[in-house]
C-alpha atoms as a PDB file:
ATOM      1  CA  UNK A   1       9.260  -9.834   5.844  1.00  0.00           C
ATOM      2  CA  UNK A   2      11.098  -7.404   7.793  1.00  0.00           C
ATOM      3  CA  UNK A   3      10.204  -3.892   7.608  1.00  0.00           C
ATOM      4  CA  UNK A   4      12.881  -2.761   5.633  1.00  0.00           C
ATOM      5  CA  UNK A   5      11.845  -5.160   3.386  1.00  0.00           C
ATOM      6  CA  UNK A   6       8.767  -3.976   3.289  1.00  0.00           C
ATOM      7  CA  UNK A   7       9.530  -0.869   2.795  1.00  0.00           C
ATOM      8  CA  UNK A   8      11.808  -1.712  -0.489  1.00  0.00           C
ATOM      9  CA  UNK A   9       9.188  -4.025  -1.812  1.00  0.00           C
ATOM     10  CA  UNK A  10       6.825  -1.197  -1.302  1.00  0.00           C
ATOM     11  CA  UNK A  11       8.543   1.246  -2.814  1.00  0.00           C
ATOM     12  CA  UNK A  12       9.645  -1.181  -6.066  1.00  0.00           C
ATOM     13  CA  UNK A  13       5.743  -1.893  -6.250  1.00  0.00           C
ATOM     14  CA  UNK A  14       4.819   1.628  -6.494  1.00  0.00           C
ATOM     15  CA  UNK A  15       7.339   2.280  -8.959  1.00  0.00           C
ATOM     16  CA  UNK A  16       5.122  -0.502 -10.789  1.00  0.00           C
ATOM     17  CA  UNK A  17       2.500   1.624 -10.131  1.00  0.00           C
ATOM     18  CA  UNK A  18       3.583   4.971 -11.870  1.00  0.00           C
ATOM     19  CA  UNK A  19       5.695   2.936 -14.693  1.00  0.00           C
ATOM     20  CA  UNK A  20       1.744   3.354 -16.675  1.00  0.00           C
ATOM     21  CA  UNK A  21       2.792   7.662 -17.245  1.00  0.00           C
ATOM     22  CA  UNK A  22       5.968   6.242 -19.711  1.00  0.00           C
ATOM     23  CA  UNK A  23       3.467   4.635 -22.204  1.00  0.00           C
ATOM     24  CA  UNK A  24       0.756   7.263 -22.675  1.00  0.00           C
ATOM     25  CA  UNK A  25      -2.667   5.883 -23.873  1.00  0.00           C
ATOM     26  CA  UNK A  26      -1.816   2.434 -23.935  1.00  0.00           C
ATOM     27  CA  UNK A  27      -0.152   2.929 -19.745  1.00  0.00           C
ATOM     28  CA  UNK A  28      -3.827   3.113 -18.797  1.00  0.00           C
ATOM     29  CA  UNK A  29      -4.813   0.062 -20.285  1.00  0.00           C
ATOM     30  CA  UNK A  30      -1.842  -1.528 -18.142  1.00  0.00           C
ATOM     31  CA  UNK A  31      -3.970  -0.676 -14.845  1.00  0.00           C
ATOM     32  CA  UNK A  32      -6.290  -2.998 -15.477  1.00  0.00           C
ATOM     33  CA  UNK A  33      -3.875  -5.889 -15.274  1.00  0.00           C
ATOM     34  CA  UNK A  34      -2.090  -3.854 -12.033  1.00  0.00           C
ATOM     35  CA  UNK A  35      -5.404  -2.873 -10.476  1.00  0.00           C
ATOM     36  CA  UNK A  36      -6.120  -6.247  -9.490  1.00  0.00           C
ATOM     37  CA  UNK A  37      -2.710  -7.698  -8.736  1.00  0.00           C
ATOM     38  CA  UNK A  38      -1.626  -4.864  -6.602  1.00  0.00           C
ATOM     39  CA  UNK A  39      -4.461  -5.684  -4.188  1.00  0.00           C
ATOM     40  CA  UNK A  40      -3.524  -9.149  -3.949  1.00  0.00           C
ATOM     41  CA  UNK A  41      -0.277  -8.098  -3.271  1.00  0.00           C
ATOM     42  CA  UNK A  42      -1.454  -5.857  -0.680  1.00  0.00           C
ATOM     43  CA  UNK A  43      -3.216  -8.115   1.269  1.00  0.00           C
ATOM     44  CA  UNK A  44      -0.656 -10.921   1.174  1.00  0.00           C
ATOM     45  CA  UNK A  45       1.952  -8.188   2.959  1.00  0.00           C
ATOM     46  CA  UNK A  46      -0.341  -6.723   5.553  1.00  0.00           C
ATOM     47  CA  UNK A  47      -2.128  -8.802   7.154  1.00  0.00           C
ATOM     48  CA  UNK A  48      -5.895  -8.495   8.466  1.00  0.00           C
ATOM     49  CA  UNK A  49      -8.430  -5.622   8.152  1.00  0.00           C
ATOM     50  CA  UNK A  50      -5.912  -3.237   7.672  1.00  0.00           C
ATOM     51  CA  UNK A  51      -4.684  -4.788   4.845  1.00  0.00           C
ATOM     52  CA  UNK A  52      -8.220  -6.020   3.339  1.00  0.00           C
ATOM     53  CA  UNK A  53      -8.451  -2.275   3.591  1.00  0.00           C
ATOM     54  CA  UNK A  54      -5.403  -1.267   2.003  1.00  0.00           C
ATOM     55  CA  UNK A  55      -6.357  -3.531  -0.612  1.00  0.00           C
ATOM     56  CA  UNK A  56      -9.044  -2.182  -1.800  1.00  0.00           C
ATOM     57  CA  UNK A  57      -7.850   1.288  -1.962  1.00  0.00           C
ATOM     58  CA  UNK A  58      -5.177  -0.014  -3.827  1.00  0.00           C
ATOM     59  CA  UNK A  59      -7.398  -1.295  -5.877  1.00  0.00           C
ATOM     60  CA  UNK A  60      -9.483   1.719  -6.648  1.00  0.00           C
ATOM     61  CA  UNK A  61      -6.098   3.910  -7.162  1.00  0.00           C
ATOM     62  CA  UNK A  62      -4.516   2.223  -9.328  1.00  0.00           C
ATOM     63  CA  UNK A  63      -7.886   1.653 -11.542  1.00  0.00           C
ATOM     64  CA  UNK A  64      -8.724   5.453 -11.839  1.00  0.00           C
ATOM     65  CA  UNK A  65      -7.029   7.029 -14.104  1.00  0.00           C
ATOM     66  CA  UNK A  66      -4.199   9.765 -12.658  1.00  0.00           C
ATOM     67  CA  UNK A  67      -4.579   8.541  -9.006  1.00  0.00           C
ATOM     68  CA  UNK A  68      -0.863   5.946  -9.642  1.00  0.00           C
ATOM     69  CA  UNK A  69       0.862   9.156  -8.365  1.00  0.00           C
ATOM     70  CA  UNK A  70      -0.264   8.095  -4.509  1.00  0.00           C
ATOM     71  CA  UNK A  71       2.311   5.224  -3.256  1.00  0.00           C
ATOM     72  CA  UNK A  72      -0.098   3.307  -1.528  1.00  0.00           C
ATOM     73  CA  UNK A  73       2.527   0.609  -0.981  1.00  0.00           C
ATOM     74  CA  UNK A  74       4.553   3.583   1.403  1.00  0.00           C
ATOM     75  CA  UNK A  75       1.794   4.493   2.975  1.00  0.00           C
ATOM     76  CA  UNK A  76       0.436   1.486   4.529  1.00  0.00           C
ATOM     77  CA  UNK A  77       4.594   1.025   5.366  1.00  0.00           C
ATOM     78  CA  UNK A  78       4.114   4.677   7.316  1.00  0.00           C
ATOM     79  CA  UNK A  79       1.064   3.554   8.872  1.00  0.00           C
ATOM     80  CA  UNK A  80       2.237   0.081   9.546  1.00  0.00           C
ATOM     81  CA  UNK A  81       5.306   0.828  11.235  1.00  0.00           C
ATOM     82  CA  UNK A  82       5.614   4.309  12.001  1.00  0.00           C
ATOM     83  CA  UNK A  83       1.752   4.908  13.450  1.00  0.00           C
ATOM     84  CA  UNK A  84       0.148   1.797  14.098  1.00  0.00           C
ATOM     85  CA  UNK A  85       2.672   0.761  17.126  1.00  0.00           C
ATOM     86  CA  UNK A  86       2.585   4.691  18.670  1.00  0.00           C
ATOM     87  CA  UNK A  87      -1.718   4.077  18.566  1.00  0.00           C
ATOM     88  CA  UNK A  88      -0.890   0.577  20.092  1.00  0.00           C
ATOM     89  CA  UNK A  89       1.226   2.829  22.601  1.00  0.00           C
ATOM     90  CA  UNK A  90      -1.544   5.207  23.559  1.00  0.00           C
ATOM     91  CA  UNK A  91      -3.855   2.171  24.168  1.00  0.00           C
ATOM     92  CA  UNK A  92      -2.746   0.393  27.064  1.00  0.00           C
ATOM     93  CA  UNK A  93      -3.097   1.408  30.697  1.00  0.00           C
ATOM     94  CA  UNK A  94      -1.219   2.143  33.033  1.00  0.00           C
ATOM     95  CA  UNK A  95      -1.624   0.121  36.230  1.00  0.00           C
ATOM     96  CA  UNK A  96       0.954   0.968  38.037  1.00  0.00           C
ATOM     97  CA  UNK A  97       0.692   3.026  41.465  1.00  0.00           C
END
């Protein structure tokens, strides 16, 4: 999945997570289904340790009432494609004389 597709898919999944606000009362019950599903999708979209950590955060964020507003998938995309590449560059050692 390229980074633009991942961003669009992440925005869509964040939107789905926020849909519970449209149905007061029953919306929070749907979070019981969506929370583990969002965690599973996070591990499929983002591999490795970062993906597992993001999945745990996504699970908690979706399971706890009123925290659905946090765009976990979008934040993970920003970390993966904006912040993380910069960190990798900073860790390289220049051995040129």
